[in-house]
């Protein structure tokens, strides 16, 4: 199944999705089977202008499967755990932890 620019007009599809590189890619690359590589999806995400929006969507909607914003389920879980360790005083803690992880 290939998704085109009209995908963002469907109910439940975020506006940013029309600009997502994954919209023109094979969706199976973003949902690898256990033991399969996610490198293709991560390379696509690496050049995507809406990568941060995608990751924010996945974190905000509890997406537990697939590659979102260039991160696997395990990487998103680690990101949430690191943010939780920072404590509830920082409302943007997940975003702050993510920015630091990308910086270096």
N, C-alpha and C. Protein backbone atom coordinates (compact mmCIF):
# COMPACT_ATOMS: atom_id res chain seq x y z
N UNK A 1 0.84 -1.18 0.00
CA UNK A 1 0.00 0.00 0.00
C UNK A 1 0.88 1.23 0.00
N UNK A 2 0.68 2.12 -0.92
CA UNK A 2 1.43 3.37 -0.98
C UNK A 2 0.49 4.50 -0.67
N UNK A 3 0.97 5.43 0.11
CA UNK A 3 0.16 6.57 0.51
C UNK A 3 0.63 7.80 -0.24
N UNK A 4 -0.30 8.57 -0.73
CA UNK A 4 0.04 9.80 -1.43
C UNK A 4 -0.28 11.01 -0.60
N UNK A 5 -0.21 12.18 -1.20
CA UNK A 5 -0.43 13.42 -0.47
C UNK A 5 -1.87 13.56 0.01
N UNK A 6 -2.78 12.78 -0.52
CA UNK A 6 -4.17 12.86 -0.07
C UNK A 6 -4.36 12.17 1.27
N UNK A 7 -3.35 11.45 1.74
CA UNK A 7 -3.48 10.73 3.01
C UNK A 7 -3.79 11.67 4.16
N UNK A 8 -3.25 12.88 4.13
CA UNK A 8 -3.46 13.82 5.24
C UNK A 8 -4.90 14.32 5.31
N UNK A 9 -5.68 14.11 4.28
CA UNK A 9 -7.07 14.57 4.31
C UNK A 9 -8.00 13.52 4.90
N UNK A 10 -7.48 12.33 5.17
CA UNK A 10 -8.28 11.28 5.77
C UNK A 10 -8.41 11.50 7.26
N UNK A 11 -9.55 11.14 7.84
CA UNK A 11 -9.72 11.29 9.29
C UNK A 11 -8.64 10.54 10.05
N UNK A 12 -8.12 11.16 11.08
CA UNK A 12 -7.11 10.52 11.92
C UNK A 12 -5.69 10.63 11.41
N UNK A 13 -5.48 11.17 10.22
CA UNK A 13 -4.13 11.32 9.68
C UNK A 13 -3.67 12.75 9.96
N UNK A 14 -2.55 12.90 10.66
CA UNK A 14 -2.09 14.26 11.01
C UNK A 14 -1.72 15.09 9.79
N UNK A 15 -1.85 16.40 9.91
CA UNK A 15 -1.56 17.31 8.80
C UNK A 15 -0.13 17.17 8.28
N UNK A 16 0.83 16.97 9.17
CA UNK A 16 2.23 16.91 8.77
C UNK A 16 2.52 15.69 7.89
N UNK A 17 1.66 14.70 7.91
CA UNK A 17 1.93 13.46 7.19
C UNK A 17 2.08 13.67 5.68
N UNK A 18 1.41 14.66 5.14
CA UNK A 18 1.51 14.92 3.70
C UNK A 18 2.94 15.28 3.30
N UNK A 19 3.72 15.81 4.24
CA UNK A 19 5.12 16.19 3.96
C UNK A 19 6.11 15.12 4.38
N UNK A 20 5.63 14.04 4.96
CA UNK A 20 6.50 12.98 5.46
C UNK A 20 7.06 12.13 4.32
N UNK A 21 8.36 11.87 4.37
CA UNK A 21 8.99 11.03 3.35
C UNK A 21 8.44 9.61 3.37
N UNK A 22 8.02 9.16 4.53
CA UNK A 22 7.49 7.79 4.62
C UNK A 22 6.19 7.63 3.86
N UNK A 23 5.53 8.73 3.57
CA UNK A 23 4.27 8.66 2.82
C UNK A 23 4.49 8.15 1.40
N UNK A 24 5.73 8.26 0.92
CA UNK A 24 6.05 7.78 -0.42
C UNK A 24 6.85 6.47 -0.38
N UNK A 25 7.02 5.91 0.80
CA UNK A 25 7.83 4.70 0.95
C UNK A 25 6.94 3.49 1.28
N UNK A 26 7.55 2.34 1.22
CA UNK A 26 6.85 1.10 1.57
C UNK A 26 6.62 1.07 3.08
N UNK A 27 5.38 1.04 3.54
CA UNK A 27 5.11 1.06 4.98
C UNK A 27 5.75 -0.10 5.73
N UNK A 28 5.97 -1.21 5.06
CA UNK A 28 6.57 -2.37 5.73
C UNK A 28 7.97 -2.07 6.25
N UNK A 29 8.66 -1.12 5.61
CA UNK A 29 10.00 -0.76 6.08
C UNK A 29 9.96 -0.15 7.47
N UNK A 30 8.83 0.43 7.84
CA UNK A 30 8.69 1.12 9.13
C UNK A 30 8.13 0.21 10.22
N UNK A 31 7.81 -1.01 9.86
CA UNK A 31 7.30 -1.99 10.82
C UNK A 31 8.02 -3.32 10.60
N UNK A 32 9.37 -3.31 10.83
CA UNK A 32 10.13 -4.54 10.59
C UNK A 32 9.74 -5.64 11.58
N UNK A 33 9.82 -6.85 11.10
CA UNK A 33 9.58 -8.02 11.96
C UNK A 33 10.73 -8.13 12.95
N UNK A 34 10.48 -8.82 14.04
CA UNK A 34 11.51 -9.02 15.05
C UNK A 34 12.75 -9.63 14.40
N UNK A 35 13.88 -9.02 14.65
CA UNK A 35 15.14 -9.49 14.08
C UNK A 35 15.50 -8.84 12.76
N UNK A 36 14.56 -8.17 12.10
CA UNK A 36 14.84 -7.49 10.84
C UNK A 36 15.42 -6.11 11.12
N UNK A 37 16.17 -5.61 10.19
CA UNK A 37 16.79 -4.29 10.33
C UNK A 37 15.79 -3.18 10.08
N UNK A 38 15.94 -2.10 10.84
CA UNK A 38 15.13 -0.90 10.65
C UNK A 38 15.94 0.19 9.97
N UNK A 39 17.10 -0.15 9.45
CA UNK A 39 18.01 0.84 8.88
C UNK A 39 17.41 1.62 7.72
N UNK A 40 16.64 0.98 6.87
CA UNK A 40 16.04 1.69 5.73
C UNK A 40 15.09 2.77 6.24
N UNK A 41 14.23 2.41 7.16
CA UNK A 41 13.28 3.38 7.72
C UNK A 41 14.02 4.52 8.41
N UNK A 42 15.05 4.19 9.17
CA UNK A 42 15.79 5.22 9.90
C UNK A 42 16.51 6.16 8.95
N UNK A 43 17.01 5.64 7.83
CA UNK A 43 17.64 6.51 6.83
C UNK A 43 16.62 7.46 6.22
N UNK A 44 15.44 6.94 5.93
CA UNK A 44 14.36 7.79 5.38
C UNK A 44 14.01 8.87 6.39
N UNK A 45 13.82 8.49 7.62
CA UNK A 45 13.48 9.46 8.68
C UNK A 45 14.57 10.50 8.85
N UNK A 46 15.81 10.09 8.69
CA UNK A 46 16.94 11.01 8.89
C UNK A 46 16.89 12.21 7.97
N UNK A 47 16.28 12.07 6.81
CA UNK A 47 16.20 13.18 5.87
C UNK A 47 14.83 13.83 5.80
N UNK A 48 13.97 13.49 6.73
CA UNK A 48 12.58 13.96 6.68
C UNK A 48 12.40 15.27 7.45
N UNK A 49 11.73 16.22 6.82
CA UNK A 49 11.52 17.54 7.44
C UNK A 49 10.49 17.52 8.56
N UNK A 50 9.70 16.48 8.67
CA UNK A 50 8.69 16.42 9.74
C UNK A 50 9.02 15.34 10.77
N UNK A 51 10.28 14.97 10.85
CA UNK A 51 10.72 13.93 11.77
C UNK A 51 10.31 14.25 13.22
N UNK A 52 10.53 15.47 13.65
CA UNK A 52 10.19 15.84 15.03
C UNK A 52 8.69 15.78 15.27
N UNK A 53 7.90 16.21 14.29
CA UNK A 53 6.43 16.13 14.41
C UNK A 53 5.99 14.67 14.53
N UNK A 54 6.62 13.83 13.75
CA UNK A 54 6.29 12.40 13.75
C UNK A 54 6.60 11.78 15.11
N UNK A 55 7.79 12.09 15.63
CA UNK A 55 8.15 11.55 16.93
C UNK A 55 7.22 12.07 18.02
N UNK A 56 6.90 13.36 17.97
CA UNK A 56 5.98 13.93 18.96
C UNK A 56 4.62 13.24 18.89
N UNK A 57 4.17 12.94 17.68
CA UNK A 57 2.90 12.22 17.51
C UNK A 57 2.99 10.85 18.16
N UNK A 58 4.07 10.12 17.88
CA UNK A 58 4.22 8.77 18.43
C UNK A 58 4.26 8.80 19.95
N UNK A 59 4.99 9.74 20.52
CA UNK A 59 5.09 9.84 21.97
C UNK A 59 3.76 10.28 22.58
N UNK A 60 3.09 11.20 21.92
CA UNK A 60 1.83 11.72 22.43
C UNK A 60 0.66 10.77 22.30
N UNK A 61 0.76 9.84 21.36
CA UNK A 61 -0.34 8.90 21.14
C UNK A 61 0.00 7.48 21.57
N UNK A 62 1.14 7.32 22.23
CA UNK A 62 1.49 6.00 22.75
C UNK A 62 1.73 4.95 21.69
N UNK A 63 2.30 5.34 20.55
CA UNK A 63 2.61 4.36 19.50
C UNK A 63 3.68 3.41 20.02
N UNK A 64 3.37 2.13 20.05
CA UNK A 64 4.30 1.14 20.58
C UNK A 64 4.92 0.27 19.51
N UNK A 65 4.56 0.46 18.27
CA UNK A 65 5.07 -0.38 17.19
C UNK A 65 5.62 0.49 16.08
N UNK A 66 6.67 0.00 15.45
CA UNK A 66 7.19 0.65 14.27
C UNK A 66 8.22 1.75 14.55
N UNK A 67 8.72 2.29 13.46
CA UNK A 67 9.69 3.38 13.50
C UNK A 67 8.92 4.68 13.33
N UNK A 68 9.06 5.57 14.27
CA UNK A 68 8.40 6.89 14.25
C UNK A 68 9.45 7.94 14.57
N UNK A 69 9.57 8.94 13.73
CA UNK A 69 10.55 9.99 13.99
C UNK A 69 11.97 9.47 14.04
N UNK A 70 12.21 8.35 13.39
CA UNK A 70 13.55 7.77 13.34
C UNK A 70 13.91 6.90 14.53
N UNK A 71 12.96 6.69 15.45
CA UNK A 71 13.24 5.88 16.63
C UNK A 71 12.38 4.62 16.65
N UNK A 72 12.98 3.55 17.13
CA UNK A 72 12.27 2.28 17.29
C UNK A 72 11.44 2.31 18.57
N UNK A 73 10.65 1.27 18.76
CA UNK A 73 9.87 1.16 19.99
C UNK A 73 10.78 1.21 21.22
N UNK A 74 11.89 0.48 21.16
CA UNK A 74 12.84 0.44 22.28
C UNK A 74 13.44 1.82 22.53
N UNK A 75 13.82 2.51 21.47
CA UNK A 75 14.42 3.84 21.62
C UNK A 75 13.41 4.84 22.19
N UNK A 76 12.15 4.73 21.76
CA UNK A 76 11.13 5.64 22.32
C UNK A 76 10.87 5.32 23.78
N UNK A 77 10.88 4.05 24.13
CA UNK A 77 10.70 3.65 25.53
C UNK A 77 11.86 4.20 26.38
N UNK A 78 13.09 4.12 25.87
CA UNK A 78 14.25 4.65 26.59
C UNK A 78 14.14 6.17 26.73
N UNK A 79 13.65 6.83 25.69
CA UNK A 79 13.47 8.28 25.73
C UNK A 79 12.45 8.66 26.81
N UNK A 80 11.33 7.93 26.86
CA UNK A 80 10.32 8.20 27.89
C UNK A 80 10.88 7.93 29.29
N UNK A 81 11.66 6.88 29.44
CA UNK A 81 12.25 6.56 30.74
C UNK A 81 13.23 7.64 31.18
N UNK A 82 14.06 8.11 30.26
CA UNK A 82 15.01 9.17 30.59
C UNK A 82 14.27 10.44 30.99
N UNK A 83 13.19 10.74 30.30
CA UNK A 83 12.39 11.92 30.64
C UNK A 83 11.72 11.75 32.00
N UNK A 84 11.25 10.55 32.31
CA UNK A 84 10.61 10.30 33.60
C UNK A 84 11.60 10.46 34.74
N UNK A 85 12.86 10.07 34.51
CA UNK A 85 13.88 10.22 35.54
C UNK A 85 14.16 11.69 35.85
N UNK A 86 13.92 12.56 34.86
CA UNK A 86 14.13 13.99 35.07
C UNK A 86 13.07 14.56 36.01
N UNK A 87 11.94 13.91 36.08
CA UNK A 87 10.88 14.34 36.98
C UNK A 87 9.81 15.15 36.30
N UNK A 88 8.67 15.29 37.00
CA UNK A 88 7.51 15.96 36.42
C UNK A 88 7.63 17.48 36.36
N UNK A 89 8.66 18.06 36.94
CA UNK A 89 8.77 19.52 36.96
C UNK A 89 9.04 20.11 35.59
N UNK A 90 9.57 19.31 34.68
CA UNK A 90 9.88 19.79 33.34
C UNK A 90 8.83 19.26 32.36
N UNK A 91 7.88 20.13 31.97
CA UNK A 91 6.79 19.70 31.09
C UNK A 91 7.31 19.23 29.73
N UNK A 92 8.44 19.75 29.30
CA UNK A 92 8.99 19.38 28.00
C UNK A 92 10.12 18.37 28.16
N UNK A 93 10.10 17.59 29.21
CA UNK A 93 11.24 16.73 29.50
C UNK A 93 11.54 15.72 28.38
N UNK A 94 10.52 15.12 27.80
CA UNK A 94 10.77 14.17 26.71
C UNK A 94 11.42 14.90 25.54
N UNK A 95 10.86 16.06 25.19
CA UNK A 95 11.42 16.84 24.10
C UNK A 95 12.85 17.28 24.41
N UNK A 96 13.10 17.71 25.64
CA UNK A 96 14.45 18.15 26.04
C UNK A 96 15.44 17.00 25.97
N UNK A 97 15.06 15.85 26.46
CA UNK A 97 15.94 14.67 26.41
C UNK A 97 16.21 14.31 24.96
N UNK A 98 15.18 14.34 24.13
CA UNK A 98 15.35 14.02 22.70
C UNK A 98 16.32 14.99 22.04
N UNK A 99 16.15 16.29 22.29
CA UNK A 99 17.05 17.28 21.67
C UNK A 99 18.49 17.03 22.09
N UNK A 100 18.71 16.73 23.35
CA UNK A 100 20.07 16.46 23.81
C UNK A 100 20.63 15.19 23.16
N UNK A 101 19.78 14.18 22.98
CA UNK A 101 20.26 12.94 22.37
C UNK A 101 20.65 13.15 20.91
N UNK A 102 19.96 14.03 20.22
CA UNK A 102 20.28 14.31 18.82
C UNK A 102 21.52 15.19 18.69
N UNK A 103 21.79 15.99 19.71
CA UNK A 103 22.91 16.91 19.66
C UNK A 103 24.25 16.20 19.85
N UNK A 104 24.20 15.05 20.43
CA UNK A 104 25.49 14.53 20.61
C UNK A 104 25.76 13.21 21.06
